[in-house]
Amino acid sequence: MTAHDVHAACGRCGRAPDGGKLDAEQWCAECRKAVVRRATPSAFAVAVLFAVLYLVVLTWTGALESTNFLVFWLALGALLAFGTYKVARRVAFDVIRSRIARTRG
C-alpha cells in the first residue's frame, strides 16, 4: 500500500477506504459492490433470454431429439449462458458507472 492509497478518498462517496485500495477510477470496494448489485438483475435477464433463445434453436433444429448429444448441448448452453451473464454484467457495470461519473463530474 502506498502513501497515496492511505490518504486517498473514494471518488464517489468521498470516504477513505477501510484498509482497502481504490480502483483505477478511484472508487472504494463498497461503491463498486453497489454498482455490481445494480448491474446483476439486468445481466441475469440477458442470460435467461439467451438461454431461452438457445433452447428454441435446439428445439427447432431437432438437436434435443438425439439422446447421444443431449447432455453435451445442455452443458454447452449452460456454459454459454454463464458467459453471457458475466459479459452482460460487466457491460451493465460499465454503463452504470459511466452514468454515475457523468452526473457527478
PDB file of N, CA and C in Angstrom:
ATOM      1  N   MET A   1       0.851  -1.169   0.000  1.00  0.00           N
ATOM      2  CA  MET A   1       0.000   0.000   0.000  1.00  0.00           C
ATOM      3  C   MET A   1       0.899   1.235   0.000  1.00  0.00           C
ATOM      4  N   THR A   2       0.637   2.137  -0.904  1.00  0.00           N
ATOM      5  CA  THR A   2       1.446   3.342  -0.996  1.00  0.00           C
ATOM      6  C   THR A   2       0.850   4.437  -0.125  1.00  0.00           C
ATOM      7  N   ALA A   3       1.609   5.482   0.056  1.00  0.00           N
ATOM      8  CA  ALA A   3       1.133   6.610   0.860  1.00  0.00           C
ATOM      9  C   ALA A   3      -0.072   7.269   0.195  1.00  0.00           C
ATOM     10  N   HIS A   4      -0.123   7.239  -1.141  1.00  0.00           N
ATOM     11  CA  HIS A   4      -1.261   7.824  -1.864  1.00  0.00           C
ATOM     12  C   HIS A   4      -2.548   7.070  -1.551  1.00  0.00           C
ATOM     13  N   ASP A   5      -2.471   5.740  -1.420  1.00  0.00           N
ATOM     14  CA  ASP A   5      -3.654   4.931  -1.141  1.00  0.00           C
ATOM     15  C   ASP A   5      -4.195   5.167   0.260  1.00  0.00           C
ATOM     16  N   VAL A   6      -3.322   5.455   1.215  1.00  0.00           N
ATOM     17  CA  VAL A   6      -3.750   5.633   2.597  1.00  0.00           C
ATOM     18  C   VAL A   6      -4.551   6.925   2.756  1.00  0.00           C
ATOM     19  N   HIS A   7      -4.150   7.994   2.102  1.00  0.00           N
ATOM     20  CA  HIS A   7      -4.785   9.296   2.289  1.00  0.00           C
ATOM     21  C   HIS A   7      -5.852   9.610   1.235  1.00  0.00           C
ATOM     22  N   ALA A   8      -6.025   8.733   0.272  1.00  0.00           N
ATOM     23  CA  ALA A   8      -6.976   9.000  -0.798  1.00  0.00           C
ATOM     24  C   ALA A   8      -8.397   8.714  -0.332  1.00  0.00           C
ATOM     25  N   ALA A   9      -9.320   9.446  -0.897  1.00  0.00           N
ATOM     26  CA  ALA A   9     -10.736   9.234  -0.612  1.00  0.00           C
ATOM     27  C   ALA A   9     -11.414   8.714  -1.865  1.00  0.00           C
ATOM     28  N   CYS A  10     -12.498   8.020  -1.672  1.00  0.00           N
ATOM     29  CA  CYS A  10     -13.264   7.466  -2.789  1.00  0.00           C
ATOM     30  C   CYS A  10     -13.786   8.604  -3.658  1.00  0.00           C
ATOM     31  N   GLY A  11     -13.700   8.422  -4.963  1.00  0.00           N
ATOM     32  CA  GLY A  11     -14.167   9.437  -5.890  1.00  0.00           C
ATOM     33  C   GLY A  11     -15.676   9.537  -5.962  1.00  0.00           C
ATOM     34  N   ARG A  12     -16.386   8.546  -5.448  1.00  0.00           N
ATOM     35  CA  ARG A  12     -17.848   8.570  -5.499  1.00  0.00           C
ATOM     36  C   ARG A  12     -18.444   9.025  -4.178  1.00  0.00           C
ATOM     37  N   CYS A  13     -18.064   8.360  -3.077  1.00  0.00           N
ATOM     38  CA  CYS A  13     -18.696   8.661  -1.790  1.00  0.00           C
ATOM     39  C   CYS A  13     -17.858   9.605  -0.926  1.00  0.00           C
ATOM     40  N   GLY A  14     -16.575   9.746  -1.246  1.00  0.00           N
ATOM     41  CA  GLY A  14     -15.723  10.659  -0.504  1.00  0.00           C
ATOM     42  C   GLY A  14     -15.123  10.087   0.771  1.00  0.00           C
ATOM     43  N   ARG A  15     -15.460   8.843   1.091  1.00  0.00           N
ATOM     44  CA  ARG A  15     -14.905   8.223   2.303  1.00  0.00           C
ATOM     45  C   ARG A  15     -13.554   7.602   2.011  1.00  0.00           C
ATOM     46  N   ALA A  16     -12.732   7.522   3.045  1.00  0.00           N
ATOM     47  CA  ALA A  16     -11.464   6.821   2.917  1.00  0.00           C
ATOM     48  C   ALA A  16     -11.747   5.322   2.993  1.00  0.00           C
ATOM     49  N   PRO A  17     -11.114   4.516   2.125  1.00  0.00           N
ATOM     50  CA  PRO A  17     -11.383   3.079   2.149  1.00  0.00           C
ATOM     51  C   PRO A  17     -10.867   2.444   3.438  1.00  0.00           C
ATOM     52  N   ASP A  18     -11.638   1.512   3.973  1.00  0.00           N
ATOM     53  CA  ASP A  18     -11.264   0.824   5.210  1.00  0.00           C
ATOM     54  C   ASP A  18     -10.244  -0.263   4.914  1.00  0.00           C
ATOM     55  N   GLY A  19      -8.986   0.088   4.898  1.00  0.00           N
ATOM     56  CA  GLY A  19      -7.924  -0.884   4.686  1.00  0.00           C
ATOM     57  C   GLY A  19      -7.830  -1.399   3.255  1.00  0.00           C
ATOM     58  N   GLY A  20      -8.703  -0.994   2.405  1.00  0.00           N
ATOM     59  CA  GLY A  20      -8.687  -1.442   1.018  1.00  0.00           C
ATOM     60  C   GLY A  20      -8.139  -0.376   0.102  1.00  0.00           C
ATOM     61  N   LYS A  21      -7.839  -0.792  -1.084  1.00  0.00           N
ATOM     62  CA  LYS A  21      -7.320   0.145  -2.072  1.00  0.00           C
ATOM     63  C   LYS A  21      -8.452   0.683  -2.923  1.00  0.00           C
ATOM     64  N   LEU A  22      -8.176   1.781  -3.548  1.00  0.00           N
ATOM     65  CA  LEU A  22      -9.095   2.334  -4.538  1.00  0.00           C
ATOM     66  C   LEU A  22      -8.772   1.709  -5.889  1.00  0.00           C
ATOM     67  N   ASP A  23      -9.780   1.573  -6.740  1.00  0.00           N
ATOM     68  CA  ASP A  23      -9.525   1.016  -8.059  1.00  0.00           C
ATOM     69  C   ASP A  23      -8.977   2.099  -8.990  1.00  0.00           C
ATOM     70  N   ALA A  24      -8.880   1.789 -10.258  1.00  0.00           N
ATOM     71  CA  ALA A  24      -8.302   2.723 -11.224  1.00  0.00           C
ATOM     72  C   ALA A  24      -9.124   4.001 -11.364  1.00  0.00           C
ATOM     73  N   GLU A  25     -10.420   3.918 -11.117  1.00  0.00           N
ATOM     74  CA  GLU A  25     -11.294   5.089 -11.196  1.00  0.00           C
ATOM     75  C   GLU A  25     -11.428   5.796  -9.847  1.00  0.00           C
ATOM     76  N   GLN A  26     -10.645   5.372  -8.876  1.00  0.00           N
ATOM     77  CA  GLN A  26     -10.636   5.944  -7.520  1.00  0.00           C
ATOM     78  C   GLN A  26     -11.948   5.706  -6.771  1.00  0.00           C
ATOM     79  N   TRP A  27     -12.506   4.512  -6.926  1.00  0.00           N
ATOM     80  CA  TRP A  27     -13.708   4.114  -6.191  1.00  0.00           C
ATOM     81  C   TRP A  27     -13.336   3.075  -5.149  1.00  0.00           C
ATOM     82  N   CYS A  28     -14.032   3.109  -4.018  1.00  0.00           N
ATOM     83  CA  CYS A  28     -13.798   2.117  -2.962  1.00  0.00           C
ATOM     84  C   CYS A  28     -14.562   0.833  -3.268  1.00  0.00           C
ATOM     85  N   ALA A  29     -14.288  -0.205  -2.503  1.00  0.00           N
ATOM     86  CA  ALA A  29     -14.921  -1.503  -2.729  1.00  0.00           C
ATOM     87  C   ALA A  29     -16.426  -1.452  -2.488  1.00  0.00           C
ATOM     88  N   GLU A  30     -16.870  -0.666  -1.518  1.00  0.00           N
ATOM     89  CA  GLU A  30     -18.305  -0.583  -1.230  1.00  0.00           C
ATOM     90  C   GLU A  30     -19.071   0.045  -2.394  1.00  0.00           C
ATOM     91  N   CYS A  31     -18.512   1.083  -2.996  1.00  0.00           N
ATOM     92  CA  CYS A  31     -19.174   1.726  -4.137  1.00  0.00           C
ATOM     93  C   CYS A  31     -19.209   0.783  -5.339  1.00  0.00           C
ATOM     94  N   ARG A  32     -18.133   0.031  -5.542  1.00  0.00           N
ATOM     95  CA  ARG A  32     -18.116  -0.946  -6.632  1.00  0.00           C
ATOM     96  C   ARG A  32     -19.172  -2.020  -6.401  1.00  0.00           C
ATOM     97  N   LYS A  33     -19.291  -2.504  -5.168  1.00  0.00           N
ATOM     98  CA  LYS A  33     -20.290  -3.539  -4.864  1.00  0.00           C
ATOM     99  C   LYS A  33     -21.704  -3.032  -5.104  1.00  0.00           C
ATOM    100  N   ALA A  34     -21.942  -1.775  -4.792  1.00  0.00           N
ATOM    101  CA  ALA A  34     -23.272  -1.205  -5.017  1.00  0.00           C
ATOM    102  C   ALA A  34     -23.608  -1.175  -6.510  1.00  0.00           C
ATOM    103  N   VAL A  35     -22.641  -0.847  -7.346  1.00  0.00           N
ATOM    104  CA  VAL A  35     -22.881  -0.802  -8.785  1.00  0.00           C
ATOM    105  C   VAL A  35     -23.041  -2.224  -9.330  1.00  0.00           C
ATOM    106  N   VAL A  36     -22.279  -3.176  -8.811  1.00  0.00           N
ATOM    107  CA  VAL A  36     -22.430  -4.566  -9.242  1.00  0.00           C
ATOM    108  C   VAL A  36     -23.818  -5.080  -8.886  1.00  0.00           C
ATOM    109  N   ARG A  37     -24.327  -4.721  -7.701  1.00  0.00           N
ATOM    110  CA  ARG A  37     -25.688  -5.124  -7.314  1.00  0.00           C
ATOM    111  C   ARG A  37     -26.726  -4.536  -8.259  1.00  0.00           C
ATOM    112  N   ARG A  38     -26.510  -3.327  -8.729  1.00  0.00           N
ATOM    113  CA  ARG A  38     -27.445  -2.714  -9.684  1.00  0.00           C
ATOM    114  C   ARG A  38     -27.343  -3.364 -11.058  1.00  0.00           C
ATOM    115  N   ALA A  39     -26.172  -3.845 -11.436  1.00  0.00           N
ATOM    116  CA  ALA A  39     -25.963  -4.428 -12.759  1.00  0.00           C
ATOM    117  C   ALA A  39     -26.417  -5.881 -12.845  1.00  0.00           C
ATOM    118  N   THR A  40     -26.497  -6.572 -11.726  1.00  0.00           N
ATOM    119  CA  THR A  40     -26.782  -8.001 -11.727  1.00  0.00           C
ATOM    120  C   THR A  40     -28.161  -8.361 -12.281  1.00  0.00           C
ATOM    121  N   PRO A  41     -29.268  -7.706 -11.907  1.00  0.00           N
ATOM    122  CA  PRO A  41     -30.571  -8.120 -12.452  1.00  0.00           C
ATOM    123  C   PRO A  41     -30.679  -8.011 -13.966  1.00  0.00           C
ATOM    124  N   SER A  42     -30.145  -6.963 -14.542  1.00  0.00           N
ATOM    125  CA  SER A  42     -30.218  -6.829 -15.999  1.00  0.00           C
ATOM    126  C   SER A  42     -29.350  -7.885 -16.685  1.00  0.00           C
ATOM    127  N   ALA A  43     -28.204  -8.205 -16.098  1.00  0.00           N
ATOM    128  CA  ALA A  43     -27.351  -9.248 -16.673  1.00  0.00           C
ATOM    129  C   ALA A  43     -28.029 -10.608 -16.578  1.00  0.00           C
ATOM    130  N   PHE A  44     -28.724 -10.857 -15.476  1.00  0.00           N
ATOM    131  CA  PHE A  44     -29.453 -12.113 -15.323  1.00  0.00           C
ATOM    132  C   PHE A  44     -30.556 -12.222 -16.369  1.00  0.00           C
ATOM    133  N   ALA A  45     -31.245 -11.126 -16.622  1.00  0.00           N
ATOM    134  CA  ALA A  45     -32.309 -11.129 -17.630  1.00  0.00           C
ATOM    135  C   ALA A  45     -31.742 -11.411 -19.025  1.00  0.00           C
ATOM    136  N   VAL A  46     -30.608 -10.842 -19.342  1.00  0.00           N
ATOM    137  CA  VAL A  46     -29.970 -11.083 -20.640  1.00  0.00           C
ATOM    138  C   VAL A  46     -29.562 -12.551 -20.761  1.00  0.00           C
ATOM    139  N   ALA A  47     -29.011 -13.126 -19.691  1.00  0.00           N
ATOM    140  CA  ALA A  47     -28.577 -14.526 -19.718  1.00  0.00           C
ATOM    141  C   ALA A  47     -29.774 -15.470 -19.856  1.00  0.00           C
ATOM    142  N   VAL A  48     -30.874 -15.173 -19.181  1.00  0.00           N
ATOM    143  CA  VAL A  48     -32.074 -16.011 -19.302  1.00  0.00           C
ATOM    144  C   VAL A  48     -32.634 -15.908 -20.721  1.00  0.00           C
ATOM    145  N   LEU A  49     -32.675 -14.714 -21.273  1.00  0.00           N
ATOM    146  CA  LEU A  49     -33.142 -14.544 -22.645  1.00  0.00           C
ATOM    147  C   LEU A  49     -32.270 -15.332 -23.620  1.00  0.00           C
ATOM    148  N   PHE A  50     -30.967 -15.289 -23.422  1.00  0.00           N
ATOM    149  CA  PHE A  50     -30.054 -16.052 -24.271  1.00  0.00           C
ATOM    150  C   PHE A  50     -30.322 -17.547 -24.137  1.00  0.00           C
ATOM    151  N   ALA A  51     -30.504 -18.032 -22.903  1.00  0.00           N
ATOM    152  CA  ALA A  51     -30.748 -19.460 -22.686  1.00  0.00           C
ATOM    153  C   ALA A  51     -32.053 -19.903 -23.343  1.00  0.00           C
ATOM    154  N   VAL A  52     -33.089 -19.079 -23.252  1.00  0.00           N
ATOM    155  CA  VAL A  52     -34.369 -19.419 -23.878  1.00  0.00           C
ATOM    156  C   VAL A  52     -34.215 -19.465 -25.399  1.00  0.00           C
ATOM    157  N   LEU A  53     -33.535 -18.485 -25.961  1.00  0.00           N
ATOM    158  CA  LEU A  53     -33.311 -18.488 -27.411  1.00  0.00           C
ATOM    159  C   LEU A  53     -32.476 -19.695 -27.843  1.00  0.00           C
ATOM    160  N   TYR A  54     -31.503 -20.061 -27.028  1.00  0.00           N
ATOM    161  CA  TYR A  54     -30.670 -21.236 -27.308  1.00  0.00           C
ATOM    162  C   TYR A  54     -31.523 -22.504 -27.313  1.00  0.00           C
ATOM    163  N   LEU A  55     -32.417 -22.635 -26.336  1.00  0.00           N
ATOM    164  CA  LEU A  55     -33.292 -23.806 -26.293  1.00  0.00           C
ATOM    165  C   LEU A  55     -34.274 -23.826 -27.464  1.00  0.00           C
ATOM    166  N   VAL A  56     -34.748 -22.660 -27.878  1.00  0.00           N
ATOM    167  CA  VAL A  56     -35.631 -22.585 -29.040  1.00  0.00           C
ATOM    168  C   VAL A  56     -34.894 -23.054 -30.290  1.00  0.00           C
ATOM    169  N   VAL A  57     -33.663 -22.624 -30.452  1.00  0.00           N
ATOM    170  CA  VAL A  57     -32.875 -23.049 -31.616  1.00  0.00           C
ATOM    171  C   VAL A  57     -32.613 -24.546 -31.560  1.00  0.00           C
ATOM    172  N   LEU A  58     -32.291 -25.081 -30.384  1.00  0.00           N
ATOM    173  CA  LEU A  58     -32.057 -26.521 -30.265  1.00  0.00           C
ATOM    174  C   LEU A  58     -33.323 -27.310 -30.589  1.00  0.00           C
ATOM    175  N   THR A  59     -34.446 -26.823 -30.133  1.00  0.00           N
ATOM    176  CA  THR A  59     -35.710 -27.494 -30.417  1.00  0.00           C
ATOM    177  C   THR A  59     -36.055 -27.410 -31.904  1.00  0.00           C
ATOM    178  N   TRP A  60     -35.866 -26.235 -32.489  1.00  0.00           N
ATOM    179  CA  TRP A  60     -36.182 -26.022 -33.902  1.00  0.00           C
ATOM    180  C   TRP A  60     -35.312 -26.887 -34.821  1.00  0.00           C
ATOM    181  N   THR A  61     -34.034 -27.048 -34.461  1.00  0.00           N
ATOM    182  CA  THR A  61     -33.127 -27.847 -35.294  1.00  0.00           C
ATOM    183  C   THR A  61     -33.248 -29.337 -35.015  1.00  0.00           C
ATOM    184  N   GLY A  62     -33.935 -29.707 -33.947  1.00  0.00           N
ATOM    185  CA  GLY A  62     -34.084 -31.120 -33.615  1.00  0.00           C
ATOM    186  C   GLY A  62     -32.919 -31.704 -32.846  1.00  0.00           C
ATOM    187  N   ALA A  63     -32.043 -30.867 -32.332  1.00  0.00           N
ATOM    188  CA  ALA A  63     -30.877 -31.356 -31.608  1.00  0.00           C
ATOM    189  C   ALA A  63     -31.249 -32.012 -30.277  1.00  0.00           C
ATOM    190  N   LEU A  64     -32.372 -31.643 -29.707  1.00  0.00           N
ATOM    191  CA  LEU A  64     -32.786 -32.236 -28.442  1.00  0.00           C
ATOM    192  C   LEU A  64     -33.398 -33.620 -28.605  1.00  0.00           C
ATOM    193  N   GLU A  65     -33.714 -34.004 -29.825  1.00  0.00           N
ATOM    194  CA  GLU A  65     -34.292 -35.324 -30.069  1.00  0.00           C
ATOM    195  C   GLU A  65     -33.240 -36.423 -30.026  1.00  0.00           C
ATOM    196  N   SER A  66     -32.004 -36.077 -30.254  1.00  0.00           N
ATOM    197  CA  SER A  66     -30.920 -37.057 -30.210  1.00  0.00           C
ATOM    198  C   SER A  66     -30.441 -37.224 -28.779  1.00  0.00           C
ATOM    199  N   THR A  67     -30.576 -38.429 -28.235  1.00  0.00           N
ATOM    200  CA  THR A  67     -30.165 -38.667 -26.852  1.00  0.00           C
ATOM    201  C   THR A  67     -28.653 -38.786 -26.720  1.00  0.00           C
ATOM    202  N   ASN A  68     -27.949 -38.992 -27.823  1.00  0.00           N
ATOM    203  CA  ASN A  68     -26.497 -39.143 -27.760  1.00  0.00           C
ATOM    204  C   ASN A  68     -25.805 -37.860 -27.321  1.00  0.00           C
ATOM    205  N   PHE A  69     -26.278 -36.730 -27.806  1.00  0.00           N
ATOM    206  CA  PHE A  69     -25.612 -35.467 -27.530  1.00  0.00           C
ATOM    207  C   PHE A  69     -26.440 -34.521 -26.665  1.00  0.00           C
ATOM    208  N   LEU A  70     -27.483 -35.017 -26.046  1.00  0.00           N
ATOM    209  CA  LEU A  70     -28.370 -34.175 -25.257  1.00  0.00           C
ATOM    210  C   LEU A  70     -27.621 -33.489 -24.112  1.00  0.00           C
ATOM    211  N   VAL A  71     -26.833 -34.247 -23.375  1.00  0.00           N
ATOM    212  CA  VAL A  71     -26.087 -33.677 -22.248  1.00  0.00           C
ATOM    213  C   VAL A  71     -25.071 -32.656 -22.743  1.00  0.00           C
ATOM    214  N   PHE A  72     -24.435 -32.952 -23.865  1.00  0.00           N
ATOM    215  CA  PHE A  72     -23.463 -32.019 -24.430  1.00  0.00           C
ATOM    216  C   PHE A  72     -24.116 -30.688 -24.776  1.00  0.00           C
ATOM    217  N   TRP A  73     -25.255 -30.710 -25.470  1.00  0.00           N
ATOM    218  CA  TRP A  73     -25.924 -29.478 -25.883  1.00  0.00           C
ATOM    219  C   TRP A  73     -26.417 -28.680 -24.674  1.00  0.00           C
ATOM    220  N   LEU A  74     -26.935 -29.384 -23.675  1.00  0.00           N
ATOM    221  CA  LEU A  74     -27.412 -28.672 -22.485  1.00  0.00           C
ATOM    222  C   LEU A  74     -26.254 -28.080 -21.674  1.00  0.00           C
ATOM    223  N   ALA A  75     -25.156 -28.829 -21.557  1.00  0.00           N
ATOM    224  CA  ALA A  75     -23.990 -28.304 -20.846  1.00  0.00           C
ATOM    225  C   ALA A  75     -23.391 -27.115 -21.593  1.00  0.00           C
ATOM    226  N   LEU A  76     -23.343 -27.216 -22.912  1.00  0.00           N
ATOM    227  CA  LEU A  76     -22.844 -26.096 -23.715  1.00  0.00           C
ATOM    228  C   LEU A  76     -23.722 -24.870 -23.534  1.00  0.00           C
ATOM    229  N   GLY A  77     -25.026 -25.067 -23.523  1.00  0.00           N
ATOM    230  CA  GLY A  77     -25.950 -23.953 -23.304  1.00  0.00           C
ATOM    231  C   GLY A  77     -25.758 -23.315 -21.941  1.00  0.00           C
ATOM    232  N   ALA A  78     -25.551 -24.136 -20.914  1.00  0.00           N
ATOM    233  CA  ALA A  78     -25.324 -23.594 -19.568  1.00  0.00           C
ATOM    234  C   ALA A  78     -24.033 -22.781 -19.522  1.00  0.00           C
ATOM    235  N   LEU A  79     -22.990 -23.280 -20.140  1.00  0.00           N
ATOM    236  CA  LEU A  79     -21.721 -22.538 -20.172  1.00  0.00           C
ATOM    237  C   LEU A  79     -21.858 -21.236 -20.955  1.00  0.00           C
ATOM    238  N   LEU A  80     -22.543 -21.288 -22.069  1.00  0.00           N
ATOM    239  CA  LEU A  80     -22.742 -20.070 -22.861  1.00  0.00           C
ATOM    240  C   LEU A  80     -23.609 -19.055 -22.116  1.00  0.00           C
ATOM    241  N   ALA A  81     -24.627 -19.526 -21.409  1.00  0.00           N
ATOM    242  CA  ALA A  81     -25.477 -18.618 -20.637  1.00  0.00           C
ATOM    243  C   ALA A  81     -24.684 -17.984 -19.499  1.00  0.00           C
ATOM    244  N   PHE A  82     -23.818 -18.760 -18.846  1.00  0.00           N
ATOM    245  CA  PHE A  82     -22.989 -18.202 -17.778  1.00  0.00           C
ATOM    246  C   PHE A  82     -22.020 -17.159 -18.333  1.00  0.00           C
ATOM    247  N   GLY A  83     -21.410 -17.456 -19.462  1.00  0.00           N
ATOM    248  CA  GLY A  83     -20.517 -16.478 -20.093  1.00  0.00           C
ATOM    249  C   GLY A  83     -21.263 -15.221 -20.500  1.00  0.00           C
ATOM    250  N   THR A  84     -22.467 -15.394 -21.008  1.00  0.00           N
ATOM    251  CA  THR A  84     -23.297 -14.250 -21.372  1.00  0.00           C
ATOM    252  C   THR A  84     -23.619 -13.409 -20.143  1.00  0.00           C
ATOM    253  N   TYR A  85     -23.928 -14.080 -19.040  1.00  0.00           N
ATOM    254  CA  TYR A  85     -24.209 -13.379 -17.783  1.00  0.00           C
ATOM    255  C   TYR A  85     -23.013 -12.538 -17.337  1.00  0.00           C
ATOM    256  N   LYS A  86     -21.830 -13.124 -17.377  1.00  0.00           N
ATOM    257  CA  LYS A  86     -20.629 -12.407 -16.934  1.00  0.00           C
ATOM    258  C   LYS A  86     -20.344 -11.204 -17.827  1.00  0.00           C
ATOM    259  N   VAL A  87     -20.452 -11.373 -19.127  1.00  0.00           N
ATOM    260  CA  VAL A  87     -20.189 -10.270 -20.049  1.00  0.00           C
ATOM    261  C   VAL A  87     -21.253  -9.184 -19.898  1.00  0.00           C
ATOM    262  N   ALA A  88     -22.512  -9.590 -19.812  1.00  0.00           N
ATOM    263  CA  ALA A  88     -23.592  -8.612 -19.673  1.00  0.00           C
ATOM    264  C   ALA A  88     -23.483  -7.851 -18.356  1.00  0.00           C
ATOM    265  N   ARG A  89     -23.059  -8.520 -17.286  1.00  0.00           N
ATOM    266  CA  ARG A  89     -22.899  -7.827 -16.011  1.00  0.00           C
ATOM    267  C   ARG A  89     -21.772  -6.804 -16.086  1.00  0.00           C
ATOM    268  N   ARG A  90     -20.704  -7.149 -16.771  1.00  0.00           N
ATOM    269  CA  ARG A  90     -19.599  -6.203 -16.917  1.00  0.00           C
ATOM    270  C   ARG A  90     -20.009  -5.002 -17.762  1.00  0.00           C
ATOM    271  N   VAL A  91     -20.731  -5.248 -18.833  1.00  0.00           N
ATOM    272  CA  VAL A  91     -21.200  -4.144 -19.687  1.00  0.00           C
ATOM    273  C   VAL A  91     -22.154  -3.249 -18.904  1.00  0.00           C
ATOM    274  N   ALA A  92     -23.101  -3.857 -18.187  1.00  0.00           N
ATOM    275  CA  ALA A  92     -24.043  -3.067 -17.387  1.00  0.00           C
ATOM    276  C   ALA A  92     -23.305  -2.292 -16.300  1.00  0.00           C
ATOM    277  N   PHE A  93     -22.303  -2.913 -15.673  1.00  0.00           N
ATOM    278  CA  PHE A  93     -21.495  -2.239 -14.662  1.00  0.00           C
ATOM    279  C   PHE A  93     -20.823  -1.003 -15.251  1.00  0.00           C
ATOM    280  N   ASP A  94     -20.204  -1.161 -16.417  1.00  0.00           N
ATOM    281  CA  ASP A  94     -19.510  -0.024 -17.038  1.00  0.00           C
ATOM    282  C   ASP A  94     -20.478   1.083 -17.440  1.00  0.00           C
ATOM    283  N   VAL A  95     -21.657   0.706 -17.941  1.00  0.00           N
ATOM    284  CA  VAL A  95     -22.644   1.711 -18.331  1.00  0.00           C
ATOM    285  C   VAL A  95     -23.142   2.470 -17.101  1.00  0.00           C
ATOM    286  N   ILE A  96     -23.488   1.753 -16.051  1.00  0.00           N
ATOM    287  CA  ILE A  96     -23.980   2.404 -14.824  1.00  0.00           C
ATOM    288  C   ILE A  96     -22.893   3.288 -14.223  1.00  0.00           C
ATOM    289  N   ARG A  97     -21.688   2.774 -14.191  1.00  0.00           N
ATOM    290  CA  ARG A  97     -20.578   3.534 -13.605  1.00  0.00           C
ATOM    291  C   ARG A  97     -20.297   4.811 -14.402  1.00  0.00           C
ATOM    292  N   SER A  98     -20.343   4.719 -15.722  1.00  0.00           N
ATOM    293  CA  SER A  98     -20.082   5.911 -16.531  1.00  0.00           C
ATOM    294  C   SER A  98     -21.195   6.934 -16.370  1.00  0.00           C
ATOM    295  N   ARG A  99     -22.433   6.469 -16.220  1.00  0.00           N
ATOM    296  CA  ARG A  99     -23.539   7.408 -15.994  1.00  0.00           C
ATOM    297  C   ARG A  99     -23.400   8.109 -14.647  1.00  0.00           C
ATOM    298  N   ILE A 100     -22.975   7.388 -13.633  1.00  0.00           N
ATOM    299  CA  ILE A 100     -22.755   7.992 -12.315  1.00  0.00           C
ATOM    300  C   ILE A 100     -21.632   9.021 -12.397  1.00  0.00           C
ATOM    301  N   ALA A 101     -20.542   8.655 -13.078  1.00  0.00           N
ATOM    302  CA  ALA A 101     -19.408   9.567 -13.182  1.00  0.00           C
ATOM    303  C   ALA A 101     -19.783  10.819 -13.986  1.00  0.00           C
ATOM    304  N   ARG A 102     -20.625  10.657 -15.010  1.00  0.00           N
ATOM    305  CA  ARG A 102     -21.037  11.795 -15.834  1.00  0.00           C
ATOM    306  C   ARG A 102     -21.913  12.762 -15.036  1.00  0.00           C
ATOM    307  N   THR A 103     -22.770  12.227 -14.183  1.00  0.00           N
ATOM    308  CA  THR A 103     -23.660  13.094 -13.420  1.00  0.00           C
ATOM    309  C   THR A 103     -22.921  13.805 -12.293  1.00  0.00           C
ATOM    310  N   ARG A 104     -21.826  13.219 -11.821  1.00  0.00           N
ATOM    311  CA  ARG A 104     -21.067  13.835 -10.735  1.00  0.00           C
ATOM    312  C   ARG A 104     -20.065  14.848 -11.253  1.00  0.00           C
ATOM    313  N   GLY A 105     -19.530  14.587 -12.455  1.00  0.00           N
ATOM    314  CA  GLY A 105     -18.421  15.381 -12.935  1.00  0.00           C
ATOM    315  C   GLY A 105     -18.820  16.513 -13.783  1.00  0.00           C
TER     316      GLY A 105
END
